[in-house]
Amino acid sequence: MKGNSVGVWDAFLDTFENRGLSNTDWEIADDVQEKLVAYFEAKIDAGVVDGKMLLPPDLIWNEYVWRFPEDMRQKLREHAGRALKTDPDNGAAAKFLTIVLAGWNYDIPPDEFWTLSEKATLLLPSDTTLCYLAFVRSGIDPLYFEKAVIALERLLERYREGEKPTLYQWLFRCCYDYLYVTSRPTDFYEQLESDDPLRERWTAVMEKIGGVFQEQFGRG
């Protein structure tokens, strides 16, 4: 991780992936921790530049933040908390705190997660990764039917052509990713009563999802 041609985060991922270090108990060397902490603190402090953040785009996908030692996560969480307190419009800090508070798979996130998730989503209206994360966490508790449909509505509305991953890939993960997604859209929809006030919104979302898959099928 000493090369100047590769950023510390990319170097970390290369090391992590190339060595097959998939065990969450893998220890990160102290010097690497220091570099990663400095890296994330700088990205958090930068906030949002021209509507975009400098945080890694794959931070949510693979939940690499949970590979970090607890004291390292705590240090970054405290830094992000201070940054958000100093600047309430710091979307990068809000997003990082949202990711940290999301917890492990199958953990019910604290109420603070939803507060921060909403704040981060409003501060970063074009960030569809936040919509995905909100949907993933809504599947933990059956009380979150409305949060789930809101997350999907936002994902469908805010996605912009040319983004990676594609809208099809986002929805494929929502529907078929059994590793991170505990409840799929169909799971929610099938549990709705015919007179449920959310049924119309869920029906509209399911039709849009079907349209995206149908379009993708036509391309294949």
C-alpha atoms as a PDB file:
ATOM      1  CA  MET A   1       0.000   0.000   0.000  1.00  0.00           C
ATOM      2  CA  LYS A   2       3.012   2.277  -0.389  1.00  0.00           C
ATOM      3  CA  GLY A   3       2.626   2.918  -4.112  1.00  0.00           C
ATOM      4  CA  ASN A   4       1.762   6.455  -5.108  1.00  0.00           C
ATOM      5  CA  SER A   5      -0.139   5.427  -8.235  1.00  0.00           C
ATOM      6  CA  VAL A   6      -3.020   3.831  -6.329  1.00  0.00           C
ATOM      7  CA  GLY A   7      -5.236   5.394  -3.676  1.00  0.00           C
ATOM      8  CA  VAL A   8      -5.172   3.899  -0.199  1.00  0.00           C
ATOM      9  CA  TRP A   9      -8.747   2.592  -0.534  1.00  0.00           C
ATOM     10  CA  ASP A  10      -8.095   0.901  -3.885  1.00  0.00           C
ATOM     11  CA  ALA A  11      -4.889  -0.561  -2.522  1.00  0.00           C
ATOM     12  CA  PHE A  12      -6.772  -1.872   0.492  1.00  0.00           C
ATOM     13  CA  LEU A  13      -9.413  -3.514  -1.717  1.00  0.00           C
ATOM     14  CA  ASP A  14      -6.759  -5.019  -3.980  1.00  0.00           C
ATOM     15  CA  THR A  15      -4.976  -6.512  -0.994  1.00  0.00           C
ATOM     16  CA  PHE A  16      -8.230  -7.713   0.491  1.00  0.00           C
ATOM     17  CA  GLU A  17      -9.537  -9.335  -2.683  1.00  0.00           C
ATOM     18  CA  ASN A  18      -6.338 -10.660  -4.202  1.00  0.00           C
ATOM     19  CA  ARG A  19      -5.391 -12.515  -1.055  1.00  0.00           C
ATOM     20  CA  GLY A  20      -8.860 -13.944  -0.603  1.00  0.00           C
ATOM     21  CA  LEU A  21      -9.145 -12.450   2.849  1.00  0.00           C
ATOM     22  CA  SER A  22     -12.876 -12.927   3.240  1.00  0.00           C
ATOM     23  CA  ASN A  23     -12.813 -13.681   6.966  1.00  0.00           C
ATOM     24  CA  THR A  24     -14.278 -10.795   8.955  1.00  0.00           C
ATOM     25  CA  ASP A  25     -11.791 -11.547  11.739  1.00  0.00           C
ATOM     26  CA  TRP A  26      -8.872 -10.657   9.515  1.00  0.00           C
ATOM     27  CA  GLU A  27      -6.780  -8.048  11.298  1.00  0.00           C
ATOM     28  CA  ILE A  28      -5.778  -4.853   9.534  1.00  0.00           C
ATOM     29  CA  ALA A  29      -2.221  -3.793  10.306  1.00  0.00           C
ATOM     30  CA  ASP A  30      -1.874  -0.679  12.460  1.00  0.00           C
ATOM     31  CA  ASP A  31      -0.147   1.332   9.749  1.00  0.00           C
ATOM     32  CA  VAL A  32      -2.899   0.431   7.274  1.00  0.00           C
ATOM     33  CA  GLN A  33      -5.530   1.447   9.813  1.00  0.00           C
ATOM     34  CA  GLU A  34      -3.873   4.837  10.201  1.00  0.00           C
ATOM     35  CA  LYS A  35      -3.851   5.379   6.450  1.00  0.00           C
ATOM     36  CA  LEU A  36      -7.487   4.342   6.089  1.00  0.00           C
ATOM     37  CA  VAL A  37      -8.590   6.561   8.991  1.00  0.00           C
ATOM     38  CA  ALA A  38      -6.783   9.542   7.458  1.00  0.00           C
ATOM     39  CA  TYR A  39      -8.303   8.684   4.068  1.00  0.00           C
ATOM     40  CA  PHE A  40     -11.879   8.536   5.352  1.00  0.00           C
ATOM     41  CA  GLU A  41     -11.525  11.583   7.560  1.00  0.00           C
ATOM     42  CA  ALA A  42     -10.400  13.597   4.544  1.00  0.00           C
ATOM     43  CA  LYS A  43     -13.327  12.343   2.440  1.00  0.00           C
ATOM     44  CA  ILE A  44     -15.799  13.097   5.224  1.00  0.00           C
ATOM     45  CA  ASP A  45     -14.359  16.570   5.804  1.00  0.00           C
ATOM     46  CA  ALA A  46     -14.621  17.330   2.082  1.00  0.00           C
ATOM     47  CA  GLY A  47     -18.382  16.876   2.354  1.00  0.00           C
ATOM     48  CA  VAL A  48     -20.237  17.263  -0.931  1.00  0.00           C
ATOM     49  CA  VAL A  49     -18.483  18.861  -3.897  1.00  0.00           C
ATOM     50  CA  ASP A  50     -20.617  19.757  -6.934  1.00  0.00           C
ATOM     51  CA  GLY A  51     -23.369  17.468  -5.671  1.00  0.00           C
ATOM     52  CA  LYS A  52     -21.035  14.510  -5.261  1.00  0.00           C
ATOM     53  CA  MET A  53     -19.080  12.947  -2.415  1.00  0.00           C
ATOM     54  CA  LEU A  54     -15.588  11.536  -2.391  1.00  0.00           C
ATOM     55  CA  LEU A  55     -16.521   8.478  -0.321  1.00  0.00           C
ATOM     56  CA  PRO A  56     -15.955   5.168  -2.163  1.00  0.00           C
ATOM     57  CA  PRO A  57     -19.055   4.254  -4.194  1.00  0.00           C
ATOM     58  CA  ASP A  58     -18.802   0.579  -3.198  1.00  0.00           C
ATOM     59  CA  LEU A  59     -18.796   1.224   0.536  1.00  0.00           C
ATOM     60  CA  ILE A  60     -22.350  -0.067   1.023  1.00  0.00           C
ATOM     61  CA  TRP A  61     -22.246  -2.860  -1.512  1.00  0.00           C
ATOM     62  CA  ASN A  62     -19.740  -5.116   0.122  1.00  0.00           C
ATOM     63  CA  GLU A  63     -20.027  -3.681   3.621  1.00  0.00           C
ATOM     64  CA  TYR A  64     -16.271  -3.281   3.854  1.00  0.00           C
ATOM     65  CA  VAL A  65     -16.800  -0.918   6.751  1.00  0.00           C
ATOM     66  CA  TRP A  66     -17.536  -4.005   8.844  1.00  0.00           C
ATOM     67  CA  ARG A  67     -14.081  -5.365   8.078  1.00  0.00           C
ATOM     68  CA  PHE A  68     -12.655  -2.512  10.109  1.00  0.00           C
ATOM     69  CA  PRO A  69     -11.762  -3.118  13.768  1.00  0.00           C
ATOM     70  CA  GLU A  70     -14.316  -1.780  16.242  1.00  0.00           C
ATOM     71  CA  ASP A  71     -12.014   0.950  17.547  1.00  0.00           C
ATOM     72  CA  MET A  72     -11.341   2.104  14.005  1.00  0.00           C
ATOM     73  CA  ARG A  73     -15.074   2.267  13.216  1.00  0.00           C
ATOM     74  CA  GLN A  74     -15.671   4.132  16.453  1.00  0.00           C
ATOM     75  CA  LYS A  75     -12.945   6.660  15.667  1.00  0.00           C
ATOM     76  CA  LEU A  76     -14.425   7.323  12.222  1.00  0.00           C
ATOM     77  CA  ARG A  77     -17.957   7.433  13.601  1.00  0.00           C
ATOM     78  CA  GLU A  78     -16.946  10.063  16.141  1.00  0.00           C
ATOM     79  CA  HIS A  79     -15.158  12.077  13.473  1.00  0.00           C
ATOM     80  CA  ALA A  80     -18.207  11.959  11.188  1.00  0.00           C
ATOM     81  CA  GLY A  81     -20.423  12.958  14.110  1.00  0.00           C
ATOM     82  CA  ARG A  82     -18.289  16.003  14.825  1.00  0.00           C
ATOM     83  CA  ALA A  83     -18.213  16.925  11.144  1.00  0.00           C
ATOM     84  CA  LEU A  84     -22.006  16.728  10.879  1.00  0.00           C
ATOM     85  CA  LYS A  85     -22.445  18.758  14.054  1.00  0.00           C
ATOM     86  CA  THR A  86     -20.114  21.433  12.705  1.00  0.00           C
ATOM     87  CA  ASP A  87     -21.778  21.402   9.290  1.00  0.00           C
ATOM     88  CA  PRO A  88     -25.365  20.018   9.328  1.00  0.00           C
ATOM     89  CA  ASP A  89     -25.293  19.970   5.514  1.00  0.00           C
ATOM     90  CA  ASN A  90     -22.325  17.619   5.289  1.00  0.00           C
ATOM     91  CA  GLY A  91     -23.881  14.810   3.283  1.00  0.00           C
ATOM     92  CA  ALA A  92     -20.706  12.708   3.342  1.00  0.00           C
ATOM     93  CA  ALA A  93     -20.704  12.665   7.155  1.00  0.00           C
ATOM     94  CA  ALA A  94     -24.425  11.846   7.239  1.00  0.00           C
ATOM     95  CA  LYS A  95     -23.976   9.005   4.763  1.00  0.00           C
ATOM     96  CA  PHE A  96     -21.018   7.504   6.611  1.00  0.00           C
ATOM     97  CA  LEU A  97     -22.939   7.586   9.900  1.00  0.00           C
ATOM     98  CA  THR A  98     -25.919   5.967   8.184  1.00  0.00           C
ATOM     99  CA  ILE A  99     -23.757   3.113   6.939  1.00  0.00           C
ATOM    100  CA  VAL A 100     -22.141   2.596  10.343  1.00  0.00           C
ATOM    101  CA  LEU A 101     -25.507   2.627  12.131  1.00  0.00           C
ATOM    102  CA  ALA A 102     -27.050   0.154   9.682  1.00  0.00           C
ATOM    103  CA  GLY A 103     -25.442  -2.627  11.695  1.00  0.00           C
ATOM    104  CA  TRP A 104     -24.817  -6.227  10.759  1.00  0.00           C
ATOM    105  CA  ASN A 105     -27.133  -8.264   8.569  1.00  0.00           C
ATOM    106  CA  TYR A 106     -30.277  -9.269  10.462  1.00  0.00           C
ATOM    107  CA  ASP A 107     -29.716  -6.598  13.113  1.00  0.00           C
ATOM    108  CA  ILE A 108     -32.655  -4.259  13.617  1.00  0.00           C
ATOM    109  CA  PRO A 109     -31.122  -0.802  13.157  1.00  0.00           C
ATOM    110  CA  PRO A 110     -31.665   1.808  15.888  1.00  0.00           C
ATOM    111  CA  ASP A 111     -34.153   4.643  15.440  1.00  0.00           C
ATOM    112  CA  GLU A 112     -31.195   6.955  14.911  1.00  0.00           C
ATOM    113  CA  PHE A 113     -30.440   5.061  11.709  1.00  0.00           C
ATOM    114  CA  TRP A 114     -33.727   6.111  10.140  1.00  0.00           C
ATOM    115  CA  THR A 115     -33.277   9.724  11.224  1.00  0.00           C
ATOM    116  CA  LEU A 116     -29.799   9.885   9.736  1.00  0.00           C
ATOM    117  CA  SER A 117     -30.808   7.900   6.674  1.00  0.00           C
ATOM    118  CA  GLU A 118     -33.543  10.412   5.905  1.00  0.00           C
ATOM    119  CA  LYS A 119     -31.194  13.324   6.485  1.00  0.00           C
ATOM    120  CA  ALA A 120     -28.522  11.813   4.255  1.00  0.00           C
ATOM    121  CA  THR A 121     -31.063  11.056   1.533  1.00  0.00           C
ATOM    122  CA  LEU A 122     -32.298  14.638   1.532  1.00  0.00           C
ATOM    123  CA  LEU A 123     -28.753  16.011   1.510  1.00  0.00           C
ATOM    124  CA  LEU A 124     -27.804  13.651  -1.332  1.00  0.00           C
ATOM    125  CA  PRO A 125     -30.940  13.474  -3.513  1.00  0.00           C
ATOM    126  CA  SER A 126     -29.127  11.765  -6.384  1.00  0.00           C
ATOM    127  CA  ASP A 127     -27.457   9.078  -4.260  1.00  0.00           C
ATOM    128  CA  THR A 128     -29.335   5.896  -5.064  1.00  0.00           C
ATOM    129  CA  THR A 129     -27.079   3.815  -2.806  1.00  0.00           C
ATOM    130  CA  LEU A 130     -28.882   5.373   0.167  1.00  0.00           C
ATOM    131  CA  CYS A 131     -32.222   4.275  -1.288  1.00  0.00           C
ATOM    132  CA  TYR A 132     -30.872   0.757  -1.610  1.00  0.00           C
ATOM    133  CA  LEU A 133     -29.532   0.732   1.948  1.00  0.00           C
ATOM    134  CA  ALA A 134     -32.859   1.989   3.306  1.00  0.00           C
ATOM    135  CA  PHE A 135     -34.678  -0.802   1.491  1.00  0.00           C
ATOM    136  CA  VAL A 136     -32.258  -3.430   2.763  1.00  0.00           C
ATOM    137  CA  ARG A 137     -32.715  -2.309   6.364  1.00  0.00           C
ATOM    138  CA  SER A 138     -36.482  -2.034   6.040  1.00  0.00           C
ATOM    139  CA  GLY A 139     -36.636  -5.776   5.512  1.00  0.00           C
ATOM    140  CA  ILE A 140     -35.489  -6.461   9.070  1.00  0.00           C
ATOM    141  CA  ASP A 141     -38.739  -5.475  10.780  1.00  0.00           C
ATOM    142  CA  PRO A 142     -42.325  -6.035   9.461  1.00  0.00           C
ATOM    143  CA  LEU A 143     -43.282  -2.557  10.704  1.00  0.00           C
ATOM    144  CA  TYR A 144     -41.260  -0.973   7.901  1.00  0.00           C
ATOM    145  CA  PHE A 145     -43.591  -1.591   4.941  1.00  0.00           C
ATOM    146  CA  GLU A 146     -43.875   2.126   4.222  1.00  0.00           C
ATOM    147  CA  LYS A 147     -40.142   2.730   4.565  1.00  0.00           C
ATOM    148  CA  ALA A 148     -39.542  -0.069   2.072  1.00  0.00           C
ATOM    149  CA  VAL A 149     -41.881   1.324  -0.572  1.00  0.00           C
ATOM    150  CA  ILE A 150     -40.497   4.835  -0.078  1.00  0.00           C
ATOM    151  CA  ALA A 151     -36.979   3.491  -0.632  1.00  0.00           C
ATOM    152  CA  LEU A 152     -38.013   1.776  -3.878  1.00  0.00           C
ATOM    153  CA  GLU A 153     -39.965   4.814  -5.084  1.00  0.00           C
ATOM    154  CA  ARG A 154     -36.897   6.959  -4.551  1.00  0.00           C
ATOM    155  CA  LEU A 155     -34.629   4.456  -6.236  1.00  0.00           C
ATOM    156  CA  LEU A 156     -36.832   4.378  -9.324  1.00  0.00           C
ATOM    157  CA  GLU A 157     -37.281   8.151  -9.404  1.00  0.00           C
ATOM    158  CA  ARG A 158     -33.706   9.210  -8.733  1.00  0.00           C
ATOM    159  CA  TYR A 159     -31.780   6.808 -10.885  1.00  0.00           C
ATOM    160  CA  ARG A 160     -30.020   8.501 -13.782  1.00  0.00           C
ATOM    161  CA  GLU A 161     -29.023   6.789 -17.023  1.00  0.00           C
ATOM    162  CA  GLY A 162     -25.320   6.223 -17.276  1.00  0.00           C
ATOM    163  CA  GLU A 163     -24.899   5.402 -13.584  1.00  0.00           C
ATOM    164  CA  LYS A 164     -23.171   2.263 -12.435  1.00  0.00           C
ATOM    165  CA  PRO A 165     -24.640  -0.053 -11.362  1.00  0.00           C
ATOM    166  CA  THR A 166     -27.559   0.105 -13.763  1.00  0.00           C
ATOM    167  CA  LEU A 167     -31.156   0.343 -12.571  1.00  0.00           C
ATOM    168  CA  TYR A 168     -31.594  -3.312 -13.484  1.00  0.00           C
ATOM    169  CA  GLN A 169     -28.630  -4.233 -11.285  1.00  0.00           C
ATOM    170  CA  TRP A 170     -30.008  -2.198  -8.363  1.00  0.00           C
ATOM    171  CA  LEU A 171     -33.391  -3.913  -8.613  1.00  0.00           C
ATOM    172  CA  PHE A 172     -31.873  -7.335  -9.204  1.00  0.00           C
ATOM    173  CA  ARG A 173     -30.078  -7.005  -5.881  1.00  0.00           C
ATOM    174  CA  CYS A 174     -33.265  -5.856  -4.158  1.00  0.00           C
ATOM    175  CA  CYS A 175     -35.155  -8.838  -5.570  1.00  0.00           C
ATOM    176  CA  TYR A 176     -32.602 -11.632  -5.575  1.00  0.00           C
ATOM    177  CA  ASP A 177     -29.676 -10.810  -3.289  1.00  0.00           C
ATOM    178  CA  TYR A 178     -30.229 -13.302  -0.489  1.00  0.00           C
ATOM    179  CA  LEU A 179     -26.918 -12.415   1.139  1.00  0.00           C
ATOM    180  CA  TYR A 180     -27.766  -8.831   2.141  1.00  0.00           C
ATOM    181  CA  VAL A 181     -31.472  -8.355   1.396  1.00  0.00           C
ATOM    182  CA  THR A 182     -33.620 -10.074   4.004  1.00  0.00           C
ATOM    183  CA  SER A 183     -37.000  -9.275   2.422  1.00  0.00           C
ATOM    184  CA  ARG A 184     -37.663  -8.851  -1.279  1.00  0.00           C
ATOM    185  CA  PRO A 185     -40.328  -6.539  -2.782  1.00  0.00           C
ATOM    186  CA  THR A 186     -42.574  -9.534  -3.416  1.00  0.00           C
ATOM    187  CA  ASP A 187     -42.330 -10.488   0.269  1.00  0.00           C
ATOM    188  CA  PHE A 188     -43.779  -7.132   1.246  1.00  0.00           C
ATOM    189  CA  TYR A 189     -46.386  -7.086  -1.505  1.00  0.00           C
ATOM    190  CA  GLU A 190     -47.728 -10.566  -0.778  1.00  0.00           C
ATOM    191  CA  GLN A 191     -48.384  -9.624   2.848  1.00  0.00           C
ATOM    192  CA  LEU A 192     -50.500  -6.568   2.015  1.00  0.00           C
ATOM    193  CA  GLU A 193     -54.232  -6.776   2.650  1.00  0.00           C
ATOM    194  CA  SER A 194     -56.482  -5.743  -0.227  1.00  0.00           C
ATOM    195  CA  ASP A 195     -57.619  -2.649   1.675  1.00  0.00           C
ATOM    196  CA  ASP A 196     -54.147  -1.632   2.840  1.00  0.00           C
ATOM    197  CA  PRO A 197     -53.613   2.092   2.140  1.00  0.00           C
ATOM    198  CA  LEU A 198     -50.101   1.279   0.858  1.00  0.00           C
ATOM    199  CA  ARG A 199     -51.314  -1.265  -1.685  1.00  0.00           C
ATOM    200  CA  GLU A 200     -51.717   1.246  -4.537  1.00  0.00           C
ATOM    201  CA  ARG A 201     -48.183   2.540  -4.071  1.00  0.00           C
ATOM    202  CA  TRP A 202     -46.729  -0.951  -3.808  1.00  0.00           C
ATOM    203  CA  THR A 203     -48.640  -2.017  -6.940  1.00  0.00           C
ATOM    204  CA  ALA A 204     -47.198   0.929  -8.869  1.00  0.00           C
ATOM    205  CA  VAL A 205     -43.671   0.102  -7.693  1.00  0.00           C
ATOM    206  CA  MET A 206     -44.028  -3.577  -8.560  1.00  0.00           C
ATOM    207  CA  GLU A 207     -45.241  -2.678 -12.060  1.00  0.00           C
ATOM    208  CA  LYS A 208     -42.244  -0.390 -12.569  1.00  0.00           C
ATOM    209  CA  ILE A 209     -39.871  -3.092 -11.363  1.00  0.00           C
ATOM    210  CA  GLY A 210     -41.500  -5.555 -13.748  1.00  0.00           C
ATOM    211  CA  GLY A 211     -41.058  -3.060 -16.567  1.00  0.00           C
ATOM    212  CA  VAL A 212     -37.356  -2.712 -15.838  1.00  0.00           C
ATOM    213  CA  PHE A 213     -36.871  -6.484 -15.874  1.00  0.00           C
ATOM    214  CA  GLN A 214     -38.930  -6.819 -19.050  1.00  0.00           C
ATOM    215  CA  GLU A 215     -36.836  -4.168 -20.767  1.00  0.00           C
ATOM    216  CA  GLN A 216     -33.636  -5.896 -19.683  1.00  0.00           C
ATOM    217  CA  PHE A 217     -34.986  -9.212 -20.946  1.00  0.00           C
ATOM    218  CA  GLY A 218     -35.676  -7.609 -24.312  1.00  0.00           C
ATOM    219  CA  ARG A 219     -32.102  -6.381 -24.527  1.00  0.00           C
ATOM    220  CA  GLY A 220     -30.787  -9.878 -23.897  1.00  0.00           C
END
